[in-house]
C-alpha atoms as a PDB file:
ATOM      1  CA  MET A   1    -116.731 147.867 282.151  1.00  0.00           C
ATOM      2  CA  LYS A   2    -119.091 150.729 281.984  1.00  0.00           C
ATOM      3  CA  PHE A   3    -121.381 151.814 279.408  1.00  0.00           C
ATOM      4  CA  ALA A   4    -122.327 155.017 278.390  1.00  0.00           C
ATOM      5  CA  PHE A   5    -123.862 156.166 275.535  1.00  0.00           C
ATOM      6  CA  SER A   6    -123.147 160.110 274.122  1.00  0.00           C
ATOM      7  CA  LYS A   7    -125.921 161.657 271.174  1.00  0.00           C
ATOM      8  CA  PRO A   8    -125.781 165.674 270.111  1.00  0.00           C
ATOM      9  CA  THR A   9    -130.252 166.236 270.915  1.00  0.00           C
ATOM     10  CA  LYS A  10    -132.487 169.080 270.657  1.00  0.00           C
ATOM     11  CA  PRO A  11    -133.531 170.751 273.853  1.00  0.00           C
ATOM     12  CA  GLY A  12    -136.459 169.530 274.677  1.00  0.00           C
ATOM     13  CA  ASP A  13    -137.707 166.382 273.753  1.00  0.00           C
ATOM     14  CA  ASP A  14    -135.001 164.364 272.724  1.00  0.00           C
ATOM     15  CA  THR A  15    -132.463 165.987 275.608  1.00  0.00           C
ATOM     16  CA  ARG A  16    -136.034 164.365 278.611  1.00  0.00           C
ATOM     17  CA  GLN A  17    -135.735 161.415 276.281  1.00  0.00           C
ATOM     18  CA  LEU A  18    -132.563 161.030 276.729  1.00  0.00           C
ATOM     19  CA  PHE A  19    -131.701 161.350 280.594  1.00  0.00           C
ATOM     20  CA  SER A  20    -134.737 159.454 281.015  1.00  0.00           C
ATOM     21  CA  ASN A  21    -134.184 156.586 279.295  1.00  0.00           C
ATOM     22  CA  PHE A  22    -130.274 155.874 279.278  1.00  0.00           C
ATOM     23  CA  ARG A  23    -130.458 154.067 282.657  1.00  0.00           C
ATOM     24  CA  SER A  24    -133.191 151.916 282.193  1.00  0.00           C
ATOM     25  CA  ILE A  25    -131.965 150.018 278.444  1.00  0.00           C
ATOM     26  CA  GLY A  26    -129.090 149.979 280.043  1.00  0.00           C
ATOM     27  CA  TYR A  27    -126.477 152.327 280.039  1.00  0.00           C
ATOM     28  CA  GLU A  28    -124.776 153.085 283.490  1.00  0.00           C
ATOM     29  CA  GLY A  29    -123.701 156.349 282.900  1.00  0.00           C
ATOM     30  CA  LEU A  30    -124.177 159.746 279.415  1.00  0.00           C
ATOM     31  CA  GLN A  31    -121.076 161.972 278.321  1.00  0.00           C
ATOM     32  CA  LEU A  32    -122.619 164.824 277.522  1.00  0.00           C
ATOM     33  CA  LYS A  33    -122.675 166.903 274.291  1.00  0.00           C
ATOM     34  CA  ALA A  34    -121.122 170.307 275.513  1.00  0.00           C
ATOM     35  CA  GLY A  35    -124.966 171.591 274.337  1.00  0.00           C
ATOM     36  CA  GLN A  36    -126.705 169.444 276.785  1.00  0.00           C
ATOM     37  CA  TYR A  37    -124.324 171.198 279.840  1.00  0.00           C
ATOM     38  CA  THR A  38    -123.268 174.208 279.099  1.00  0.00           C
ATOM     39  CA  GLY A  39    -126.775 176.043 279.482  1.00  0.00           C
ATOM     40  CA  TYR A  40    -125.688 175.061 283.578  1.00  0.00           C
ATOM     41  CA  LEU A  41    -122.920 176.141 283.874  1.00  0.00           C
ATOM     42  CA  ASP A  42    -123.671 179.036 286.614  1.00  0.00           C
ATOM     43  CA  GLN A  43    -126.849 177.396 287.578  1.00  0.00           C
ATOM     44  CA  ARG A  44    -125.368 173.493 289.529  1.00  0.00           C
ATOM     45  CA  ASP A  45    -127.575 173.060 291.881  1.00  0.00           C
ATOM     46  CA  ARG A  46    -130.612 173.825 288.926  1.00  0.00           C
ATOM     47  CA  PHE A  47    -128.436 170.734 286.973  1.00  0.00           C
ATOM     48  CA  LEU A  48    -128.756 168.917 290.265  1.00  0.00           C
ATOM     49  CA  GLU A  49    -132.306 169.508 290.562  1.00  0.00           C
ATOM     50  CA  GLU A  50    -133.109 168.678 287.274  1.00  0.00           C
ATOM     51  CA  TYR A  51    -130.506 165.109 287.106  1.00  0.00           C
ATOM     52  CA  GLY A  52    -128.833 164.537 290.152  1.00  0.00           C
ATOM     53  CA  ASP A  53    -130.561 161.010 291.457  1.00  0.00           C
ATOM     54  CA  GLN A  54    -129.398 159.542 287.986  1.00  0.00           C
ATOM     55  CA  PRO A  55    -126.546 158.031 288.897  1.00  0.00           C
ATOM     56  CA  GLY A  56    -123.941 158.549 285.693  1.00  0.00           C
ATOM     57  CA  ALA A  57    -126.117 161.611 284.585  1.00  0.00           C
ATOM     58  CA  ALA A  58    -122.824 163.446 283.690  1.00  0.00           C
ATOM     59  CA  SER A  59    -120.835 160.403 283.182  1.00  0.00           C
ATOM     60  CA  ALA A  60    -118.007 162.474 281.366  1.00  0.00           C
ATOM     61  CA  LEU A  61    -118.507 166.074 279.722  1.00  0.00           C
ATOM     62  CA  ILE A  62    -117.415 167.067 276.328  1.00  0.00           C
ATOM     63  CA  ILE A  63    -115.845 169.985 275.151  1.00  0.00           C
ATOM     64  CA  GLY A  64    -114.379 171.516 272.304  1.00  0.00           C
ATOM     65  CA  GLY A  65    -112.166 174.083 271.722  1.00  0.00           C
ATOM     66  CA  ALA A  66    -108.537 175.700 271.405  1.00  0.00           C
ATOM     67  CA  LEU A  67    -106.256 176.144 274.061  1.00  0.00           C
ATOM     68  CA  ASP A  68    -105.744 180.099 274.300  1.00  0.00           C
ATOM     69  CA  GLU A  69    -106.637 182.375 276.822  1.00  0.00           C
ATOM     70  CA  ASP A  70    -110.141 181.722 276.310  1.00  0.00           C
ATOM     71  CA  GLY A  71    -109.829 177.893 275.671  1.00  0.00           C
ATOM     72  CA  VAL A  72    -108.613 177.608 278.968  1.00  0.00           C
ATOM     73  CA  ALA A  73    -110.839 179.640 281.133  1.00  0.00           C
ATOM     74  CA  ARG A  74    -113.564 178.335 280.044  1.00  0.00           C
ATOM     75  CA  LEU A  75    -112.331 174.424 280.354  1.00  0.00           C
ATOM     76  CA  ARG A  76    -111.418 175.405 283.924  1.00  0.00           C
ATOM     77  CA  LYS A  77    -114.826 176.576 284.205  1.00  0.00           C
ATOM     78  CA  ILE A  78    -115.975 173.193 283.321  1.00  0.00           C
ATOM     79  CA  MET A  79    -114.008 171.007 285.296  1.00  0.00           C
ATOM     80  CA  ALA A  80    -115.073 173.235 288.855  1.00  0.00           C
ATOM     81  CA  PHE A  81    -118.536 172.586 287.322  1.00  0.00           C
ATOM     82  CA  GLY A  82    -117.620 168.560 286.794  1.00  0.00           C
ATOM     83  CA  LYS A  83    -116.528 168.619 290.112  1.00  0.00           C
ATOM     84  CA  ALA A  84    -119.625 169.893 291.503  1.00  0.00           C
ATOM     85  CA  ILE A  85    -122.084 167.857 289.871  1.00  0.00           C
ATOM     86  CA  GLY A  86    -120.209 164.401 289.898  1.00  0.00           C
ATOM     87  CA  THR A  87    -118.816 163.655 286.454  1.00  0.00           C
ATOM     88  CA  ARG A  88    -115.345 161.661 286.410  1.00  0.00           C
ATOM     89  CA  ILE A  89    -113.990 162.838 283.088  1.00  0.00           C
ATOM     90  CA  ILE A  90    -113.397 165.757 280.619  1.00  0.00           C
ATOM     91  CA  VAL A  91    -113.449 165.000 277.062  1.00  0.00           C
ATOM     92  CA  PHE A  92    -110.911 167.455 275.302  1.00  0.00           C
ATOM     93  CA  CYS A  93    -111.305 167.355 271.195  1.00  0.00           C
ATOM     94  CA  HIS A  94    -108.907 170.184 270.641  1.00  0.00           C
ATOM     95  CA  GLY A  95    -109.657 172.600 267.833  1.00  0.00           C
ATOM     96  CA  VAL A  96    -107.646 173.334 265.444  1.00  0.00           C
ATOM     97  CA  ALA A  97    -107.034 171.960 262.019  1.00  0.00           C
ATOM     98  CA  HIS A  98    -104.412 169.425 261.498  1.00  0.00           C
ATOM     99  CA  ALA A  99    -103.347 171.315 258.378  1.00  0.00           C
ATOM    100  CA  GLY A 100     -99.191 172.697 258.761  1.00  0.00           C
ATOM    101  CA  LEU A 101     -98.479 171.715 262.541  1.00  0.00           C
ATOM    102  CA  ALA A 102     -94.844 170.154 263.097  1.00  0.00           C
ATOM    103  CA  ALA A 103     -94.439 167.545 265.737  1.00  0.00           C
ATOM    104  CA  ASN A 104     -93.294 170.314 268.237  1.00  0.00           C
ATOM    105  CA  ASP A 105     -96.503 172.296 268.131  1.00  0.00           C
ATOM    106  CA  ILE A 106     -98.010 169.259 269.396  1.00  0.00           C
ATOM    107  CA  ARG A 107     -95.956 168.776 271.481  1.00  0.00           C
ATOM    108  CA  GLY A 108     -96.698 171.842 273.164  1.00  0.00           C
ATOM    109  CA  PHE A 109    -100.408 171.206 272.433  1.00  0.00           C
ATOM    110  CA  ALA A 110     -99.112 168.393 275.178  1.00  0.00           C
ATOM    111  CA  LYS A 111     -97.273 170.366 277.985  1.00  0.00           C
ATOM    112  CA  ARG A 112     -99.951 173.008 277.922  1.00  0.00           C
ATOM    113  CA  LEU A 113    -102.364 169.948 278.535  1.00  0.00           C
ATOM    114  CA  SER A 114    -100.186 167.938 280.702  1.00  0.00           C
ATOM    115  CA  GLU A 115    -100.676 171.171 282.814  1.00  0.00           C
ATOM    116  CA  LEU A 116    -103.989 171.360 282.605  1.00  0.00           C
ATOM    117  CA  GLY A 117    -104.345 167.823 283.686  1.00  0.00           C
ATOM    118  CA  LYS A 118    -102.637 168.133 286.600  1.00  0.00           C
ATOM    119  CA  GLU A 119    -105.507 170.548 287.333  1.00  0.00           C
ATOM    120  CA  ALA A 120    -108.374 167.724 286.464  1.00  0.00           C
ATOM    121  CA  ARG A 121    -106.751 165.984 288.704  1.00  0.00           C
ATOM    122  CA  ASP A 122    -106.961 168.202 291.838  1.00  0.00           C
ATOM    123  CA  HIS A 123    -110.429 168.083 291.440  1.00  0.00           C
ATOM    124  CA  GLY A 124    -110.951 164.509 291.362  1.00  0.00           C
ATOM    125  CA  LEU A 125    -111.405 164.890 287.405  1.00  0.00           C
ATOM    126  CA  ARG A 126    -109.479 162.838 284.700  1.00  0.00           C
ATOM    127  CA  LEU A 127    -108.114 165.418 281.301  1.00  0.00           C
ATOM    128  CA  SER A 128    -108.833 163.319 278.289  1.00  0.00           C
ATOM    129  CA  LEU A 129    -107.658 163.860 275.094  1.00  0.00           C
ATOM    130  CA  HIS A 130    -110.788 162.480 271.830  1.00  0.00           C
ATOM    131  CA  ASN A 131    -108.784 161.934 268.569  1.00  0.00           C
ATOM    132  CA  HIS A 132    -110.069 163.522 265.763  1.00  0.00           C
ATOM    133  CA  PHE A 133    -110.610 163.978 262.464  1.00  0.00           C
ATOM    134  CA  ASN A 134    -108.515 167.184 261.381  1.00  0.00           C
ATOM    135  CA  GLN A 135    -107.304 168.148 265.018  1.00  0.00           C
ATOM    136  CA  PRO A 136    -103.856 168.205 265.827  1.00  0.00           C
ATOM    137  CA  VAL A 137    -103.872 164.167 267.504  1.00  0.00           C
ATOM    138  CA  MET A 138    -105.253 162.737 263.958  1.00  0.00           C
ATOM    139  CA  HIS A 139    -102.920 160.400 261.840  1.00  0.00           C
ATOM    140  CA  ARG A 140    -101.052 156.925 263.773  1.00  0.00           C
ATOM    141  CA  GLY A 141     -98.021 159.237 263.970  1.00  0.00           C
ATOM    142  CA  ASP A 142     -99.339 162.235 266.140  1.00  0.00           C
ATOM    143  CA  PHE A 143    -100.630 159.408 269.029  1.00  0.00           C
ATOM    144  CA  ASP A 144     -96.782 159.002 269.812  1.00  0.00           C
ATOM    145  CA  VAL A 145     -95.713 162.336 269.325  1.00  0.00           C
ATOM    146  CA  PHE A 146     -98.622 163.923 271.710  1.00  0.00           C
ATOM    147  CA  PHE A 147     -98.186 161.249 274.748  1.00  0.00           C
ATOM    148  CA  GLY A 148     -94.305 160.343 274.211  1.00  0.00           C
ATOM    149  CA  ALA A 149     -94.707 164.634 275.547  1.00  0.00           C
ATOM    150  CA  VAL A 150     -97.330 163.999 277.668  1.00  0.00           C
ATOM    151  CA  ALA A 151     -96.307 164.698 281.006  1.00  0.00           C
ATOM    152  CA  ASP A 152     -96.743 162.685 284.537  1.00  0.00           C
ATOM    153  CA  GLY A 153     -99.345 160.801 282.762  1.00  0.00           C
ATOM    154  CA  ALA A 154    -101.501 164.211 283.463  1.00  0.00           C
ATOM    155  CA  VAL A 155    -103.359 163.716 279.929  1.00  0.00           C
ATOM    156  CA  GLY A 156    -105.040 159.804 278.601  1.00  0.00           C
ATOM    157  CA  LEU A 157    -106.846 159.056 275.521  1.00  0.00           C
ATOM    158  CA  THR A 158    -110.557 159.080 274.743  1.00  0.00           C
ATOM    159  CA  LEU A 159    -110.124 156.769 271.368  1.00  0.00           C
ATOM    160  CA  ASP A 160    -113.152 157.012 269.234  1.00  0.00           C
ATOM    161  CA  THR A 161    -112.338 153.780 266.951  1.00  0.00           C
ATOM    162  CA  ALA A 162    -114.075 156.150 263.713  1.00  0.00           C
ATOM    163  CA  HIS A 163    -111.832 159.450 263.975  1.00  0.00           C
ATOM    164  CA  LEU A 164    -109.734 157.208 263.456  1.00  0.00           C
ATOM    165  CA  VAL A 165    -110.773 154.888 260.288  1.00  0.00           C
ATOM    166  CA  LYS A 166    -112.178 159.064 258.702  1.00  0.00           C
ATOM    167  CA  SER A 167    -108.399 160.053 259.344  1.00  0.00           C
ATOM    168  CA  GLY A 168    -106.942 156.634 257.273  1.00  0.00           C
ATOM    169  CA  VAL A 169    -105.583 155.045 259.980  1.00  0.00           C
ATOM    170  CA  SER A 170    -107.060 151.309 259.472  1.00  0.00           C
ATOM    171  CA  ASP A 171    -105.302 148.950 261.860  1.00  0.00           C
ATOM    172  CA  VAL A 172    -107.743 149.956 265.197  1.00  0.00           C
ATOM    173  CA  ALA A 173    -106.322 147.020 266.973  1.00  0.00           C
ATOM    174  CA  GLU A 174    -103.344 148.543 266.216  1.00  0.00           C
ATOM    175  CA  VAL A 175    -103.949 151.572 267.625  1.00  0.00           C
ATOM    176  CA  ILE A 176    -105.621 149.999 270.576  1.00  0.00           C
ATOM    177  CA  ARG A 177    -102.971 147.552 271.842  1.00  0.00           C
ATOM    178  CA  ALA A 178     -99.772 150.921 271.517  1.00  0.00           C
ATOM    179  CA  MET A 179    -101.541 153.258 273.865  1.00  0.00           C
ATOM    180  CA  ALA A 180    -102.994 150.923 276.292  1.00  0.00           C
ATOM    181  CA  PRO A 181    -101.860 152.538 278.906  1.00  0.00           C
ATOM    182  CA  VAL A 182    -103.134 155.944 278.192  1.00  0.00           C
ATOM    183  CA  ILE A 183    -106.591 154.830 276.715  1.00  0.00           C
ATOM    184  CA  ASP A 184    -109.012 156.233 279.536  1.00  0.00           C
ATOM    185  CA  ASN A 185    -111.951 156.037 277.929  1.00  0.00           C
ATOM    186  CA  PHE A 186    -114.164 154.551 274.876  1.00  0.00           C
ATOM    187  CA  HIS A 187    -116.171 156.107 272.129  1.00  0.00           C
ATOM    188  CA  ILE A 188    -117.648 153.154 269.762  1.00  0.00           C
ATOM    189  CA  LYS A 189    -118.800 154.696 266.436  1.00  0.00           C
ATOM    190  CA  ASP A 190    -119.032 153.128 263.129  1.00  0.00           C
ATOM    191  CA  PHE A 191    -118.444 154.776 259.876  1.00  0.00           C
ATOM    192  CA  SER A 192    -119.201 153.993 255.587  1.00  0.00           C
ATOM    193  CA  GLY A 193    -119.441 156.061 252.749  1.00  0.00           C
ATOM    194  CA  GLY A 194    -117.899 159.725 254.257  1.00  0.00           C
ATOM    195  CA  GLN A 195    -120.727 159.642 257.378  1.00  0.00           C
ATOM    196  CA  PHE A 196    -120.740 158.180 260.775  1.00  0.00           C
ATOM    197  CA  LYS A 197    -123.169 154.978 261.276  1.00  0.00           C
ATOM    198  CA  VAL A 198    -125.192 153.643 264.090  1.00  0.00           C
ATOM    199  CA  LEU A 199    -123.307 150.757 265.165  1.00  0.00           C
ATOM    200  CA  GLY A 200    -123.208 148.073 263.049  1.00  0.00           C
ATOM    201  CA  GLU A 201    -124.043 149.386 260.005  1.00  0.00           C
ATOM    202  CA  GLY A 202    -121.599 150.924 258.903  1.00  0.00           C
ATOM    203  CA  GLU A 203    -117.850 149.504 257.338  1.00  0.00           C
ATOM    204  CA  ILE A 204    -116.013 148.895 260.422  1.00  0.00           C
ATOM    205  CA  ASN A 205    -114.834 145.726 261.597  1.00  0.00           C
ATOM    206  CA  PHE A 206    -115.374 146.208 265.099  1.00  0.00           C
ATOM    207  CA  THR A 207    -114.887 141.883 266.067  1.00  0.00           C
ATOM    208  CA  PRO A 208    -110.374 142.871 266.024  1.00  0.00           C
ATOM    209  CA  ILE A 209    -111.388 145.873 268.002  1.00  0.00           C
ATOM    210  CA  PHE A 210    -113.238 144.574 270.531  1.00  0.00           C
ATOM    211  CA  ALA A 211    -111.285 141.268 270.985  1.00  0.00           C
ATOM    212  CA  VAL A 212    -108.057 143.491 271.402  1.00  0.00           C
ATOM    213  CA  ILE A 213    -109.958 145.610 274.117  1.00  0.00           C
ATOM    214  CA  ARG A 214    -110.598 142.744 276.140  1.00  0.00           C
ATOM    215  CA  GLU A 215    -107.238 140.628 275.185  1.00  0.00           C
ATOM    216  CA  ILE A 216    -105.708 144.677 277.124  1.00  0.00           C
ATOM    217  CA  GLY A 217    -107.828 144.655 280.349  1.00  0.00           C
ATOM    218  CA  TYR A 218    -110.282 147.147 279.900  1.00  0.00           C
ATOM    219  CA  ASP A 219    -111.518 147.648 282.729  1.00  0.00           C
ATOM    220  CA  GLY A 220    -113.565 151.626 282.188  1.00  0.00           C
ATOM    221  CA  TRP A 221    -115.842 153.543 280.284  1.00  0.00           C
ATOM    222  CA  VAL A 222    -116.981 152.139 276.523  1.00  0.00           C
ATOM    223  CA  SER A 223    -119.525 155.011 275.249  1.00  0.00           C
ATOM    224  CA  THR A 224    -121.389 154.689 272.452  1.00  0.00           C
ATOM    225  CA  ASP A 225    -120.975 158.122 270.215  1.00  0.00           C
ATOM    226  CA  GLU A 226    -124.121 158.021 268.180  1.00  0.00           C
ATOM    227  CA  GLU A 227    -123.154 160.984 265.627  1.00  0.00           C
ATOM    228  CA  SER A 228    -125.753 159.065 262.534  1.00  0.00           C
ATOM    229  CA  GLY A 229    -128.321 161.697 263.196  1.00  0.00           C
ATOM    230  CA  ALA A 230    -130.635 158.004 263.541  1.00  0.00           C
ATOM    231  CA  ASP A 231    -133.838 158.641 265.733  1.00  0.00           C
ATOM    232  CA  LEU A 232    -132.816 158.688 269.580  1.00  0.00           C
ATOM    233  CA  LEU A 233    -133.827 154.983 271.262  1.00  0.00           C
ATOM    234  CA  PRO A 234    -133.926 152.516 267.914  1.00  0.00           C
ATOM    235  CA  ALA A 235    -130.212 154.170 268.105  1.00  0.00           C
ATOM    236  CA  MET A 236    -129.679 153.798 271.668  1.00  0.00           C
ATOM    237  CA  LYS A 237    -130.516 149.828 272.050  1.00  0.00           C
ATOM    238  CA  GLN A 238    -129.416 148.631 269.496  1.00  0.00           C
ATOM    239  CA  CYS A 239    -125.831 150.469 269.768  1.00  0.00           C
ATOM    240  CA  LEU A 240    -126.195 148.686 273.592  1.00  0.00           C
ATOM    241  CA  ARG A 241    -126.416 145.639 271.985  1.00  0.00           C
ATOM    242  CA  PHE A 242    -123.835 146.553 269.437  1.00  0.00           C
ATOM    243  CA  MET A 243    -121.146 146.605 272.799  1.00  0.00           C
ATOM    244  CA  GLN A 244    -122.192 143.942 274.824  1.00  0.00           C
ATOM    245  CA  GLU A 245    -122.495 141.021 272.305  1.00  0.00           C
ATOM    246  CA  GLY A 246    -118.936 142.702 270.788  1.00  0.00           C
ATOM    247  CA  LEU A 247    -117.181 142.779 273.946  1.00  0.00           C
ATOM    248  CA  ARG A 248    -118.613 140.109 276.509  1.00  0.00           C
ATOM    249  CA  ARG A 249    -117.807 137.374 273.526  1.00  0.00           C
ATOM    250  CA  GLY A 250    -115.559 134.744 273.562  1.00  0.00           C
END
């Protein structure tokens, strides 16, 4: 397994600290939020000049949006950027509200994303859908509908623990076991009282979650997705320690 970190930061010192410290703390990669890389989309060389000497600095690029004409054009631009800077995964948060969607709508999204996933492959990338509260793949049944309609394995799953719990899914381990063939990324996040928490400070029981990740033989990226608002460096250290202790036990 490879450990990564993801957290929104303010431009300036917080962002510089993120890039400067992730490897010395012990992470192998960063999974970048849109605000941390979209300013470089037309300046790839500048990104490489600033961060290209840090392996894993853009192991994944996270982007939210719709699948309308503008959204698809933006996603394609991010794919091209990702290829140029050495990214491996494009994590897509599908910014469409869940309310009112039917199964056929979700299947249609899967087919469209499958086309884009094949384009991503041509760039040497993997397109991975992020399950998300109040987005098309939210409830347990949505996973079966969506991935049952994905063509040729062209779209993977970034499984987010806290968004599952926030969406009312209590047995996260069952989802991991069932979706193991398509999971290509994890976002490990804690949750309590309607709020995201630093790992270990929420109410999610990670013991069965970590056990099933080991059980399925997963060896890809496992990223903290830290959105609690806690101070950056202490959160980075605590989250890595929590993941290492949980996933290396047994």
